[in-house]
Amino acid sequence: MLRLLLVLLSPFFALAFASRKARNRWVGAGKYNIYTDVTLDGAYVNGTGYTITNVQLGLPPKTFIDFVDIQPPHAGFVYTVVIAADGQSITLRAWTGALAEAATNLAGLNGQIVRLLVIGN
């Protein structure tokens, strides 16, 4: 099933999340496999990126994020993901084709969709 979660970051910008289970959401050793489409907004902050929680990614609360893979295509940007030390959130950062970090409030990110494969426990 497709689950849509909207998180308002300000009155004018919002990241949108659409999660669907991979072939088996619950697999061996208690792992969750979920594909999440993240629709980016224009409120990107250079040096910080977007912070996305495990619940926004479609995982149950208090589930640890073990692995995140960014699925192609990337439409002119390169994306990197860092899992927070507590395993409860990720930071998604965008880089331009010249491998310089995207500028703050870059309008080109607005509407870009990034598909993530998330594995949590």
Protein backbone atom coordinates (compact mmCIF):
# COMPACT_ATOMS: atom_id res chain seq x y z
CA MET A 1 0.00 0.00 0.00
CA LEU A 2 1.06 3.52 -0.60
CA ARG A 3 1.23 5.70 2.46
CA LEU A 4 1.64 9.42 2.09
CA LEU A 5 3.04 11.47 4.92
CA LEU A 6 3.41 15.23 4.68
CA VAL A 7 5.68 17.09 6.98
CA LEU A 8 5.34 20.86 6.91
CA LEU A 9 8.65 22.61 7.38
CA SER A 10 7.22 26.10 6.96
CA PRO A 11 3.99 27.61 5.66
CA PHE A 12 5.48 27.68 2.14
CA PHE A 13 7.61 24.55 1.78
CA ALA A 14 7.03 20.88 2.49
CA LEU A 15 8.86 17.63 1.98
CA ALA A 16 6.52 14.86 0.87
CA PHE A 17 7.01 11.17 1.55
CA ALA A 18 5.44 8.17 -0.18
CA SER A 19 6.40 4.75 1.24
CA ARG A 20 5.67 1.30 -0.04
CA LYS A 21 6.97 -2.02 1.14
CA ALA A 22 9.55 -3.90 -0.84
CA ARG A 23 8.55 -7.45 -1.75
CA ASN A 24 8.29 -8.39 1.91
CA ARG A 25 8.11 -5.58 4.41
CA TRP A 26 8.91 -7.93 7.28
CA VAL A 27 11.75 -10.30 6.44
CA GLY A 28 14.11 -12.57 8.33
CA ALA A 29 15.81 -11.32 11.51
CA GLY A 30 13.10 -8.71 12.01
CA LYS A 31 14.25 -6.40 9.22
CA TYR A 32 12.00 -3.96 7.36
CA ASN A 33 12.64 -3.32 3.66
CA ILE A 34 10.86 -0.21 2.40
CA TYR A 35 11.09 1.93 -0.73
CA THR A 36 10.38 5.58 0.05
CA ASP A 37 9.97 8.33 -2.53
CA VAL A 38 10.99 11.68 -1.09
CA THR A 39 9.76 14.73 -3.02
CA LEU A 40 12.15 17.56 -2.28
CA ASP A 41 11.24 21.19 -1.74
CA GLY A 42 13.09 24.47 -2.23
CA ALA A 43 13.97 24.86 1.47
CA TYR A 44 17.36 23.15 1.19
CA VAL A 45 20.00 24.44 3.62
CA ASN A 46 23.60 24.34 2.38
CA GLY A 47 25.82 22.47 4.83
CA THR A 48 22.88 20.80 6.58
CA GLY A 49 20.69 19.19 3.92
CA TYR A 50 17.36 17.58 4.72
CA THR A 51 16.89 15.66 7.98
CA ILE A 52 14.41 12.80 7.62
CA THR A 53 13.24 10.62 10.52
CA ASN A 54 12.64 6.87 10.51
CA VAL A 55 8.86 7.40 10.77
CA GLN A 56 8.89 9.72 7.75
CA LEU A 57 10.73 6.97 5.85
CA GLY A 58 7.87 4.56 6.62
CA LEU A 59 9.45 2.62 9.49
CA PRO A 60 7.70 2.07 12.82
CA PRO A 61 8.71 4.36 15.71
CA LYS A 62 11.92 3.37 17.55
CA THR A 63 13.08 1.29 14.57
CA PHE A 64 16.78 1.70 13.83
CA ILE A 65 17.85 2.56 10.30
CA ASP A 66 20.49 0.02 9.27
CA PHE A 67 21.00 0.85 5.60
CA VAL A 68 19.83 3.38 3.00
CA ASP A 69 20.47 3.10 -0.73
CA ILE A 70 19.70 5.91 -3.17
CA GLN A 71 18.06 4.54 -6.31
CA PRO A 72 18.78 6.12 -9.74
CA PRO A 73 18.00 8.28 -11.73
CA HIS A 74 19.12 11.52 -10.12
CA ALA A 75 18.07 14.20 -12.67
CA GLY A 76 21.10 16.48 -12.60
CA PHE A 77 22.00 16.10 -8.93
CA VAL A 78 24.10 13.67 -6.91
CA TYR A 79 22.67 12.73 -3.50
CA THR A 80 24.39 11.42 -0.39
CA VAL A 81 22.86 9.94 2.75
CA VAL A 82 24.32 9.80 6.24
CA ILE A 83 22.61 7.80 9.00
CA ALA A 84 22.58 9.61 12.36
CA ALA A 85 24.56 8.06 15.21
CA ASP A 86 21.35 7.12 17.06
CA GLY A 87 19.95 5.36 13.96
CA GLN A 88 16.66 7.28 14.15
CA SER A 89 17.14 9.68 11.21
CA ILE A 90 19.14 10.36 8.06
CA THR A 91 20.57 13.45 6.45
CA LEU A 92 20.01 13.73 2.70
CA ARG A 93 22.36 16.14 0.94
CA ALA A 94 22.33 17.28 -2.68
CA TRP A 95 25.32 18.06 -4.89
CA THR A 96 25.34 19.69 -8.32
CA GLY A 97 26.90 18.11 -11.38
CA ALA A 98 30.16 19.93 -10.57
CA LEU A 99 30.16 18.16 -7.16
CA ALA A 100 29.61 21.38 -5.25
CA GLU A 101 26.91 21.28 -2.61
CA ALA A 102 23.57 22.69 -3.69
CA ALA A 103 22.95 26.30 -2.68
CA THR A 104 20.56 27.22 0.12
CA ASN A 105 16.95 27.41 -1.12
CA LEU A 106 17.93 26.16 -4.59
CA ALA A 107 14.76 26.22 -6.69
CA GLY A 108 16.07 23.39 -8.90
CA LEU A 109 15.54 20.90 -6.05
CA ASN A 110 11.85 21.78 -5.75
CA GLY A 111 9.82 18.82 -7.00
CA GLN A 112 12.80 16.45 -7.44
CA ILE A 113 11.93 12.90 -6.39
CA VAL A 114 14.56 10.75 -4.72
CA ARG A 115 13.78 7.06 -4.22
CA LEU A 116 15.41 5.44 -1.20
CA LEU A 117 15.63 1.77 -0.27
CA VAL A 118 15.55 1.73 3.52
CA ILE A 119 16.36 -1.29 5.68
CA GLY A 120 15.60 -1.00 9.37
CA ASN A 121 15.52 -3.22 12.43
